[in-house]
PDB file of N, CA and C in Angstrom:
ATOM      1  N   MET A   1     -25.488  16.851  -9.124  1.00  0.00           N
ATOM      2  CA  MET A   1     -24.713  16.816  -8.397  1.00  0.00           C
ATOM      3  C   MET A   1     -23.771  15.604  -8.235  1.00  0.00           C
ATOM      4  N   SER A   2     -22.101  15.891  -8.663  1.00  0.00           N
ATOM      5  CA  SER A   2     -20.945  15.071  -8.439  1.00  0.00           C
ATOM      6  C   SER A   2     -20.413  15.132  -7.408  1.00  0.00           C
ATOM      7  N   THR A   3     -20.328  14.289  -5.912  1.00  0.00           N
ATOM      8  CA  THR A   3     -19.624  14.382  -5.190  1.00  0.00           C
ATOM      9  C   THR A   3     -18.301  13.566  -5.590  1.00  0.00           C
ATOM     10  N   GLN A   4     -16.752  14.130  -5.071  1.00  0.00           N
ATOM     11  CA  GLN A   4     -15.597  13.584  -5.696  1.00  0.00           C
ATOM     12  C   GLN A   4     -15.533  12.955  -4.265  1.00  0.00           C
ATOM     13  N   TYR A   5     -15.106  11.715  -4.940  1.00  0.00           N
ATOM     14  CA  TYR A   5     -14.660  10.746  -3.441  1.00  0.00           C
ATOM     15  C   TYR A   5     -13.235  10.300  -4.015  1.00  0.00           C
ATOM     16  N   THR A   6     -12.253  10.838  -3.132  1.00  0.00           N
ATOM     17  CA  THR A   6     -11.026  10.212  -3.715  1.00  0.00           C
ATOM     18  C   THR A   6     -10.115   9.394  -2.612  1.00  0.00           C
ATOM     19  N   VAL A   7      -9.041   8.651  -2.881  1.00  0.00           N
ATOM     20  CA  VAL A   7      -8.389   7.650  -2.125  1.00  0.00           C
ATOM     21  C   VAL A   7      -7.949   8.449  -0.530  1.00  0.00           C
ATOM     22  N   GLY A   8      -7.580   9.746  -0.708  1.00  0.00           N
ATOM     23  CA  GLY A   8      -7.438  10.179   0.664  1.00  0.00           C
ATOM     24  C   GLY A   8      -8.828   9.790   1.665  1.00  0.00           C
ATOM     25  N   SER A   9      -9.990  10.696   0.971  1.00  0.00           N
ATOM     26  CA  SER A   9     -11.302  10.624   1.340  1.00  0.00           C
ATOM     27  C   SER A   9     -11.369   9.289   2.095  1.00  0.00           C
ATOM     28  N   TYR A  10     -11.220   8.132   1.160  1.00  0.00           N
ATOM     29  CA  TYR A  10     -11.603   6.912   1.741  1.00  0.00           C
ATOM     30  C   TYR A  10     -10.480   6.197   3.012  1.00  0.00           C
ATOM     31  N   LEU A  11      -9.586   6.959   2.793  1.00  0.00           N
ATOM     32  CA  LEU A  11      -8.496   6.343   3.807  1.00  0.00           C
ATOM     33  C   LEU A  11      -8.672   6.879   5.141  1.00  0.00           C
ATOM     34  N   LEU A  12      -9.209   8.473   5.326  1.00  0.00           N
ATOM     35  CA  LEU A  12      -9.615   9.230   6.258  1.00  0.00           C
ATOM     36  C   LEU A  12     -10.747   8.477   6.936  1.00  0.00           C
ATOM     37  N   GLU A  13     -11.627   8.131   6.012  1.00  0.00           N
ATOM     38  CA  GLU A  13     -13.199   7.403   6.559  1.00  0.00           C
ATOM     39  C   GLU A  13     -12.633   5.962   7.024  1.00  0.00           C
ATOM     40  N   ARG A  14     -11.790   5.069   6.540  1.00  0.00           N
ATOM     41  CA  ARG A  14     -11.424   3.888   7.026  1.00  0.00           C
ATOM     42  C   ARG A  14     -10.780   3.984   8.415  1.00  0.00           C
ATOM     43  N   LEU A  15      -9.581   4.924   8.221  1.00  0.00           N
ATOM     44  CA  LEU A  15      -9.316   5.017   9.926  1.00  0.00           C
ATOM     45  C   LEU A  15     -10.039   5.595  10.940  1.00  0.00           C
ATOM     46  N   LYS A  16     -10.878   6.342  10.458  1.00  0.00           N
ATOM     47  CA  LYS A  16     -11.891   6.630  11.410  1.00  0.00           C
ATOM     48  C   LYS A  16     -12.759   5.698  11.889  1.00  0.00           C
ATOM     49  N   GLU A  17     -12.945   4.595  11.113  1.00  0.00           N
ATOM     50  CA  GLU A  17     -14.066   3.483  10.998  1.00  0.00           C
ATOM     51  C   GLU A  17     -12.980   2.158  12.154  1.00  0.00           C
ATOM     52  N   LEU A  18     -11.594   2.325  12.320  1.00  0.00           N
ATOM     53  CA  LEU A  18     -10.852   1.675  12.906  1.00  0.00           C
ATOM     54  C   LEU A  18     -10.578   2.080  14.372  1.00  0.00           C
ATOM     55  N   GLY A  19     -11.111   3.629  14.726  1.00  0.00           N
ATOM     56  CA  GLY A  19     -11.019   4.124  15.941  1.00  0.00           C
ATOM     57  C   GLY A  19      -9.804   5.347  15.862  1.00  0.00           C
ATOM     58  N   LEU A  20      -9.459   5.681  14.638  1.00  0.00           N
ATOM     59  CA  LEU A  20      -8.633   6.710  15.026  1.00  0.00           C
ATOM     60  C   LEU A  20      -9.114   8.321  14.727  1.00  0.00           C
ATOM     61  N   GLY A  21      -8.520   9.042  15.826  1.00  0.00           N
ATOM     62  CA  GLY A  21      -9.049  10.255  16.035  1.00  0.00           C
ATOM     63  C   GLY A  21      -8.228  11.340  16.030  1.00  0.00           C
ATOM     64  N   HIS A  22      -6.957  10.979  15.648  1.00  0.00           N
ATOM     65  CA  HIS A  22      -5.749  12.183  15.396  1.00  0.00           C
ATOM     66  C   HIS A  22      -4.513  11.092  14.613  1.00  0.00           C
ATOM     67  N   ILE A  23      -4.000  12.569  13.801  1.00  0.00           N
ATOM     68  CA  ILE A  23      -3.063  12.081  12.844  1.00  0.00           C
ATOM     69  C   ILE A  23      -1.484  13.147  13.282  1.00  0.00           C
ATOM     70  N   PHE A  24      -0.412  12.662  13.574  1.00  0.00           N
ATOM     71  CA  PHE A  24       0.605  13.200  14.227  1.00  0.00           C
ATOM     72  C   PHE A  24       1.304  13.563  13.023  1.00  0.00           C
ATOM     73  N   GLY A  25       2.082  14.521  12.997  1.00  0.00           N
ATOM     74  CA  GLY A  25       3.094  14.669  12.106  1.00  0.00           C
ATOM     75  C   GLY A  25       3.764  16.230  11.341  1.00  0.00           C
ATOM     76  N   VAL A  26       4.342  16.433  10.505  1.00  0.00           N
ATOM     77  CA  VAL A  26       5.010  17.815  10.202  1.00  0.00           C
ATOM     78  C   VAL A  26       4.421  18.086   8.723  1.00  0.00           C
ATOM     79  N   PRO A  27       3.909  19.355   8.184  1.00  0.00           N
ATOM     80  CA  PRO A  27       3.536  19.689   7.454  1.00  0.00           C
ATOM     81  C   PRO A  27       4.258  19.611   6.447  1.00  0.00           C
ATOM     82  N   GLY A  28       4.283  19.280   4.908  1.00  0.00           N
ATOM     83  CA  GLY A  28       5.297  19.550   4.441  1.00  0.00           C
ATOM     84  C   GLY A  28       4.372  19.541   2.590  1.00  0.00           C
ATOM     85  N   ASP A  29       5.345  20.035   1.675  1.00  0.00           N
ATOM     86  CA  ASP A  29       4.746  20.515   0.560  1.00  0.00           C
ATOM     87  C   ASP A  29       3.959  18.918  -0.150  1.00  0.00           C
ATOM     88  N   TYR A  30       4.472  17.889  -0.093  1.00  0.00           N
ATOM     89  CA  TYR A  30       3.966  16.678  -0.734  1.00  0.00           C
ATOM     90  C   TYR A  30       2.726  16.254   0.076  1.00  0.00           C
ATOM     91  N   ALA A  31       2.914  16.665   1.235  1.00  0.00           N
ATOM     92  CA  ALA A  31       1.925  15.851   1.944  1.00  0.00           C
ATOM     93  C   ALA A  31       0.742  16.871   2.223  1.00  0.00           C
ATOM     94  N   PHE A  32       0.535  18.198   1.532  1.00  0.00           N
ATOM     95  CA  PHE A  32      -0.312  19.026   1.558  1.00  0.00           C
ATOM     96  C   PHE A  32      -1.985  18.893   1.518  1.00  0.00           C
ATOM     97  N   PRO A  33      -1.784  18.340   0.210  1.00  0.00           N
ATOM     98  CA  PRO A  33      -3.585  18.024  -0.492  1.00  0.00           C
ATOM     99  C   PRO A  33      -3.862  17.128   0.427  1.00  0.00           C
ATOM    100  N   PHE A  34      -2.887  15.826   1.268  1.00  0.00           N
ATOM    101  CA  PHE A  34      -3.868  15.178   1.996  1.00  0.00           C
ATOM    102  C   PHE A  34      -4.083  15.843   3.480  1.00  0.00           C
ATOM    103  N   LEU A  35      -3.101  16.860   3.814  1.00  0.00           N
ATOM    104  CA  LEU A  35      -3.056  17.526   5.027  1.00  0.00           C
ATOM    105  C   LEU A  35      -4.911  18.591   4.991  1.00  0.00           C
ATOM    106  N   ASP A  36      -4.958  19.166   3.922  1.00  0.00           N
ATOM    107  CA  ASP A  36      -6.263  19.973   3.578  1.00  0.00           C
ATOM    108  C   ASP A  36      -7.352  18.874   3.925  1.00  0.00           C
ATOM    109  N   LEU A  37      -7.235  17.264   3.223  1.00  0.00           N
ATOM    110  CA  LEU A  37      -8.505  16.588   3.666  1.00  0.00           C
ATOM    111  C   LEU A  37      -8.590  16.611   5.292  1.00  0.00           C
ATOM    112  N   ILE A  38      -7.240  16.189   5.948  1.00  0.00           N
ATOM    113  CA  ILE A  38      -7.224  15.914   7.342  1.00  0.00           C
ATOM    114  C   ILE A  38      -8.244  17.443   8.064  1.00  0.00           C
ATOM    115  N   GLU A  39      -8.045  18.544   7.905  1.00  0.00           N
ATOM    116  CA  GLU A  39      -8.372  19.714   8.138  1.00  0.00           C
ATOM    117  C   GLU A  39     -10.272  19.647   8.094  1.00  0.00           C
ATOM    118  N   LYS A  40     -10.336  19.335   6.692  1.00  0.00           N
ATOM    119  CA  LYS A  40     -11.725  19.479   6.346  1.00  0.00           C
ATOM    120  C   LYS A  40     -12.512  18.546   7.019  1.00  0.00           C
ATOM    121  N   ASN A  41     -11.955  17.423   7.802  1.00  0.00           N
ATOM    122  CA  ASN A  41     -12.681  16.073   8.433  1.00  0.00           C
ATOM    123  C   ASN A  41     -12.791  16.572   9.619  1.00  0.00           C
ATOM    124  N   GLN A  42     -14.239  16.256   9.940  1.00  0.00           N
ATOM    125  CA  GLN A  42     -14.860  16.620  11.211  1.00  0.00           C
ATOM    126  C   GLN A  42     -14.338  15.620  12.236  1.00  0.00           C
ATOM    127  N   ASP A  43     -13.797  14.583  11.969  1.00  0.00           N
ATOM    128  CA  ASP A  43     -13.815  13.526  12.933  1.00  0.00           C
ATOM    129  C   ASP A  43     -12.593  13.163  13.404  1.00  0.00           C
ATOM    130  N   ILE A  44     -11.245  13.462  12.360  1.00  0.00           N
ATOM    131  CA  ILE A  44     -10.265  13.495  12.674  1.00  0.00           C
ATOM    132  C   ILE A  44      -9.499  14.528  13.009  1.00  0.00           C
ATOM    133  N   SER A  45      -8.399  14.676  13.757  1.00  0.00           N
ATOM    134  CA  SER A  45      -7.740  16.077  14.037  1.00  0.00           C
ATOM    135  C   SER A  45      -6.526  15.756  13.764  1.00  0.00           C
ATOM    136  N   TRP A  46      -5.594  17.111  13.545  1.00  0.00           N
ATOM    137  CA  TRP A  46      -4.367  17.169  13.284  1.00  0.00           C
ATOM    138  C   TRP A  46      -3.479  17.392  14.166  1.00  0.00           C
ATOM    139  N   VAL A  47      -2.335  16.620  14.464  1.00  0.00           N
ATOM    140  CA  VAL A  47      -1.520  17.507  15.801  1.00  0.00           C
ATOM    141  C   VAL A  47      -0.096  17.254  15.242  1.00  0.00           C
ATOM    142  N   GLY A  48       0.177  18.663  15.034  1.00  0.00           N
ATOM    143  CA  GLY A  48       1.508  18.745  14.329  1.00  0.00           C
ATOM    144  C   GLY A  48       2.638  18.882  15.572  1.00  0.00           C
ATOM    145  N   THR A  49       3.834  18.283  14.908  1.00  0.00           N
ATOM    146  CA  THR A  49       4.732  17.920  15.731  1.00  0.00           C
ATOM    147  C   THR A  49       5.703  18.546  15.094  1.00  0.00           C
ATOM    148  N   CYS A  50       7.051  19.220  16.247  1.00  0.00           N
ATOM    149  CA  CYS A  50       8.020  19.763  15.714  1.00  0.00           C
ATOM    150  C   CYS A  50       9.042  18.767  14.818  1.00  0.00           C
ATOM    151  N   ASN A  51       9.116  17.806  14.693  1.00  0.00           N
ATOM    152  CA  ASN A  51       9.811  17.234  13.633  1.00  0.00           C
ATOM    153  C   ASN A  51       9.063  15.491  13.535  1.00  0.00           C
ATOM    154  N   GLU A  52       9.427  14.775  12.286  1.00  0.00           N
ATOM    155  CA  GLU A  52       9.151  13.680  12.046  1.00  0.00           C
ATOM    156  C   GLU A  52       9.371  12.830  13.090  1.00  0.00           C
ATOM    157  N   PHE A  53      10.208  12.558  13.691  1.00  0.00           N
ATOM    158  CA  PHE A  53      10.640  11.511  14.825  1.00  0.00           C
ATOM    159  C   PHE A  53       9.792  11.889  15.624  1.00  0.00           C
ATOM    160  N   ASN A  54       9.547  12.948  16.356  1.00  0.00           N
ATOM    161  CA  ASN A  54       8.596  12.977  17.275  1.00  0.00           C
ATOM    162  C   ASN A  54       7.002  12.700  17.078  1.00  0.00           C
ATOM    163  N   GLY A  55       6.582  12.848  15.514  1.00  0.00           N
ATOM    164  CA  GLY A  55       5.420  12.458  15.354  1.00  0.00           C
ATOM    165  C   GLY A  55       5.358  11.061  15.021  1.00  0.00           C
ATOM    166  N   ALA A  56       6.438  10.530  14.593  1.00  0.00           N
ATOM    167  CA  ALA A  56       6.371   9.065  14.779  1.00  0.00           C
ATOM    168  C   ALA A  56       5.966   8.212  16.260  1.00  0.00           C
ATOM    169  N   TYR A  57       6.799   9.044  17.070  1.00  0.00           N
ATOM    170  CA  TYR A  57       6.478   8.344  18.682  1.00  0.00           C
ATOM    171  C   TYR A  57       5.169   8.716  19.144  1.00  0.00           C
ATOM    172  N   GLY A  58       4.958   9.953  18.806  1.00  0.00           N
ATOM    173  CA  GLY A  58       3.647  10.571  19.078  1.00  0.00           C
ATOM    174  C   GLY A  58       2.496   9.396  18.738  1.00  0.00           C
ATOM    175  N   ALA A  59       2.550   8.697  17.209  1.00  0.00           N
ATOM    176  CA  ALA A  59       1.771   7.997  16.898  1.00  0.00           C
ATOM    177  C   ALA A  59       1.819   6.688  17.537  1.00  0.00           C
ATOM    178  N   ASP A  60       3.344   6.381  17.990  1.00  0.00           N
ATOM    179  CA  ASP A  60       3.377   4.946  18.873  1.00  0.00           C
ATOM    180  C   ASP A  60       2.652   5.162  20.138  1.00  0.00           C
ATOM    181  N   GLY A  61       2.861   6.173  20.649  1.00  0.00           N
ATOM    182  CA  GLY A  61       2.072   6.311  22.399  1.00  0.00           C
ATOM    183  C   GLY A  61       0.815   6.382  21.912  1.00  0.00           C
ATOM    184  N   TYR A  62       0.285   7.013  20.776  1.00  0.00           N
ATOM    185  CA  TYR A  62      -1.158   7.033  20.771  1.00  0.00           C
ATOM    186  C   TYR A  62      -1.861   5.318  20.609  1.00  0.00           C
ATOM    187  N   ALA A  63      -1.234   4.776  19.561  1.00  0.00           N
ATOM    188  CA  ALA A  63      -1.397   3.430  19.139  1.00  0.00           C
ATOM    189  C   ALA A  63      -1.535   2.327  20.432  1.00  0.00           C
ATOM    190  N   ARG A  64      -0.554   2.998  21.481  1.00  0.00           N
ATOM    191  CA  ARG A  64      -0.465   1.715  22.987  1.00  0.00           C
ATOM    192  C   ARG A  64      -1.854   2.421  23.370  1.00  0.00           C
ATOM    193  N   ILE A  65      -2.425   3.057  23.211  1.00  0.00           N
ATOM    194  CA  ILE A  65      -3.549   3.375  24.156  1.00  0.00           C
ATOM    195  C   ILE A  65      -4.898   3.247  23.405  1.00  0.00           C
ATOM    196  N   ARG A  66      -4.865   3.541  21.921  1.00  0.00           N
ATOM    197  CA  ARG A  66      -6.062   3.621  21.121  1.00  0.00           C
ATOM    198  C   ARG A  66      -6.002   2.387  20.296  1.00  0.00           C
ATOM    199  N   GLY A  67      -5.040   1.412  20.026  1.00  0.00           N
ATOM    200  CA  GLY A  67      -4.864   0.428  19.370  1.00  0.00           C
ATOM    201  C   GLY A  67      -4.764   0.723  17.670  1.00  0.00           C
ATOM    202  N   ILE A  68      -4.744   1.822  17.544  1.00  0.00           N
ATOM    203  CA  ILE A  68      -4.375   2.478  16.047  1.00  0.00           C
ATOM    204  C   ILE A  68      -3.571   3.695  15.917  1.00  0.00           C
ATOM    205  N   GLY A  69      -2.670   4.240  15.580  1.00  0.00           N
ATOM    206  CA  GLY A  69      -2.031   5.462  15.162  1.00  0.00           C
ATOM    207  C   GLY A  69      -1.623   5.527  13.992  1.00  0.00           C
ATOM    208  N   ALA A  70      -1.494   6.757  13.560  1.00  0.00           N
ATOM    209  CA  ALA A  70      -0.906   7.661  12.128  1.00  0.00           C
ATOM    210  C   ALA A  70      -0.424   8.392  12.103  1.00  0.00           C
ATOM    211  N   PHE A  71       0.449   8.680  11.633  1.00  0.00           N
ATOM    212  CA  PHE A  71       1.603   9.942  11.494  1.00  0.00           C
ATOM    213  C   PHE A  71       1.763  10.327   9.701  1.00  0.00           C
ATOM    214  N   LEU A  72       2.036  11.628   9.364  1.00  0.00           N
ATOM    215  CA  LEU A  72       2.094  11.816   8.049  1.00  0.00           C
ATOM    216  C   LEU A  72       3.396  12.860   8.145  1.00  0.00           C
ATOM    217  N   VAL A  73       4.220  12.199   6.996  1.00  0.00           N
ATOM    218  CA  VAL A  73       5.172  13.050   6.822  1.00  0.00           C
ATOM    219  C   VAL A  73       5.452  13.370   5.092  1.00  0.00           C
ATOM    220  N   THR A  74       6.522  13.989   4.582  1.00  0.00           N
ATOM    221  CA  THR A  74       6.655  13.783   3.501  1.00  0.00           C
ATOM    222  C   THR A  74       8.132  13.400   3.187  1.00  0.00           C
ATOM    223  N   GLY A  75       8.597  13.164   1.910  1.00  0.00           N
ATOM    224  CA  GLY A  75       9.488  12.190   1.474  1.00  0.00           C
ATOM    225  C   GLY A  75      10.811  13.324   1.859  1.00  0.00           C
ATOM    226  N   GLY A  76      12.122  12.024   1.760  1.00  0.00           N
ATOM    227  CA  GLY A  76      13.139  13.098   2.251  1.00  0.00           C
ATOM    228  C   GLY A  76      13.917  12.314   3.506  1.00  0.00           C
ATOM    229  N   VAL A  77      14.680  13.395   4.288  1.00  0.00           N
ATOM    230  CA  VAL A  77      15.655  12.860   5.511  1.00  0.00           C
ATOM    231  C   VAL A  77      14.621  12.672   6.765  1.00  0.00           C
ATOM    232  N   GLY A  78      13.425  13.583   6.949  1.00  0.00           N
ATOM    233  CA  GLY A  78      12.499  13.612   7.750  1.00  0.00           C
ATOM    234  C   GLY A  78      11.770  12.133   7.576  1.00  0.00           C
ATOM    235  N   GLU A  79      11.294  11.477   6.637  1.00  0.00           N
ATOM    236  CA  GLU A  79      10.898  10.229   6.573  1.00  0.00           C
ATOM    237  C   GLU A  79      11.538   9.194   7.005  1.00  0.00           C
ATOM    238  N   LEU A  80      12.986   9.259   6.889  1.00  0.00           N
ATOM    239  CA  LEU A  80      13.972   8.384   7.556  1.00  0.00           C
ATOM    240  C   LEU A  80      13.962   8.239   8.886  1.00  0.00           C
ATOM    241  N   SER A  81      13.953   9.728   9.496  1.00  0.00           N
ATOM    242  CA  SER A  81      13.976   9.685  11.020  1.00  0.00           C
ATOM    243  C   SER A  81      12.777   8.976  11.403  1.00  0.00           C
ATOM    244  N   ALA A  82      11.611   9.172  10.720  1.00  0.00           N
ATOM    245  CA  ALA A  82      10.374   8.601  11.171  1.00  0.00           C
ATOM    246  C   ALA A  82      10.536   7.187  11.150  1.00  0.00           C
ATOM    247  N   ALA A  83      11.501   6.610  10.559  1.00  0.00           N
ATOM    248  CA  ALA A  83      11.487   5.005  10.508  1.00  0.00           C
ATOM    249  C   ALA A  83      11.857   4.509  11.853  1.00  0.00           C
ATOM    250  N   CYS A  84      12.905   5.355  12.722  1.00  0.00           N
ATOM    251  CA  CYS A  84      13.095   5.114  13.322  1.00  0.00           C
ATOM    252  C   CYS A  84      12.253   4.837  14.550  1.00  0.00           C
ATOM    253  N   GLY A  85      10.781   5.724  14.365  1.00  0.00           N
ATOM    254  CA  GLY A  85       9.786   5.482  15.495  1.00  0.00           C
ATOM    255  C   GLY A  85       8.911   4.308  15.086  1.00  0.00           C
ATOM    256  N   VAL A  86       8.944   4.322  13.743  1.00  0.00           N
ATOM    257  CA  VAL A  86       8.329   2.706  13.038  1.00  0.00           C
ATOM    258  C   VAL A  86       9.085   1.666  13.919  1.00  0.00           C
ATOM    259  N   GLY A  87      10.130   1.371  13.636  1.00  0.00           N
ATOM    260  CA  GLY A  87      11.144   0.319  14.342  1.00  0.00           C
ATOM    261  C   GLY A  87      10.783   0.356  15.691  1.00  0.00           C
ATOM    262  N   GLY A  88      10.779   1.311  16.133  1.00  0.00           N
ATOM    263  CA  GLY A  88      10.490   1.373  17.460  1.00  0.00           C
ATOM    264  C   GLY A  88       9.346   0.565  17.853  1.00  0.00           C
ATOM    265  N   ALA A  89       8.248   0.911  17.392  1.00  0.00           N
ATOM    266  CA  ALA A  89       7.055   0.228  17.717  1.00  0.00           C
ATOM    267  C   ALA A  89       7.011  -0.769  17.273  1.00  0.00           C
ATOM    268  N   TYR A  90       7.601  -1.621  16.377  1.00  0.00           N
ATOM    269  CA  TYR A  90       7.586  -2.962  15.731  1.00  0.00           C
ATOM    270  C   TYR A  90       8.275  -3.670  16.890  1.00  0.00           C
ATOM    271  N   ALA A  91       9.635  -2.955  17.415  1.00  0.00           N
ATOM    272  CA  ALA A  91      10.293  -3.844  18.671  1.00  0.00           C
ATOM    273  C   ALA A  91       9.440  -4.200  19.891  1.00  0.00           C
ATOM    274  N   GLU A  92       8.427  -3.553  19.863  1.00  0.00           N
ATOM    275  CA  GLU A  92       7.576  -3.234  21.407  1.00  0.00           C
ATOM    276  C   GLU A  92       6.378  -4.181  20.895  1.00  0.00           C
ATOM    277  N   HIS A  93       6.187  -4.284  19.384  1.00  0.00           N
ATOM    278  CA  HIS A  93       5.111  -5.091  19.158  1.00  0.00           C
ATOM    279  C   HIS A  93       3.673  -4.562  19.292  1.00  0.00           C
ATOM    280  N   VAL A  94       3.814  -2.756  19.062  1.00  0.00           N
ATOM    281  CA  VAL A  94       3.105  -2.035  18.886  1.00  0.00           C
ATOM    282  C   VAL A  94       2.092  -2.145  17.721  1.00  0.00           C
ATOM    283  N   CYS A  95       2.612  -2.719  16.510  1.00  0.00           N
ATOM    284  CA  CYS A  95       2.002  -2.475  14.885  1.00  0.00           C
ATOM    285  C   CYS A  95       1.540  -3.808  14.971  1.00  0.00           C
TER     286      CYS A  95
END
């Protein structure tokens, strides 16, 4: 019996070890394969947000409490909006 161990599976396992319990973001076409892995994972939950900017700030607030945060977006205009949230986290020394 062969078990497929992917980069995405490893990433989720490592994030769980670091204390992550939730990933924020907006589902999108390029993110669907990784989102499927999140949905199958028993230890990390998906938190859908209305846009990428909110996902980044949700992860920022989560990191302020838990010490680590993560969000998932697809390429394009949304990721540029999410960069504002990442910049804010860096400015406040959360990252």
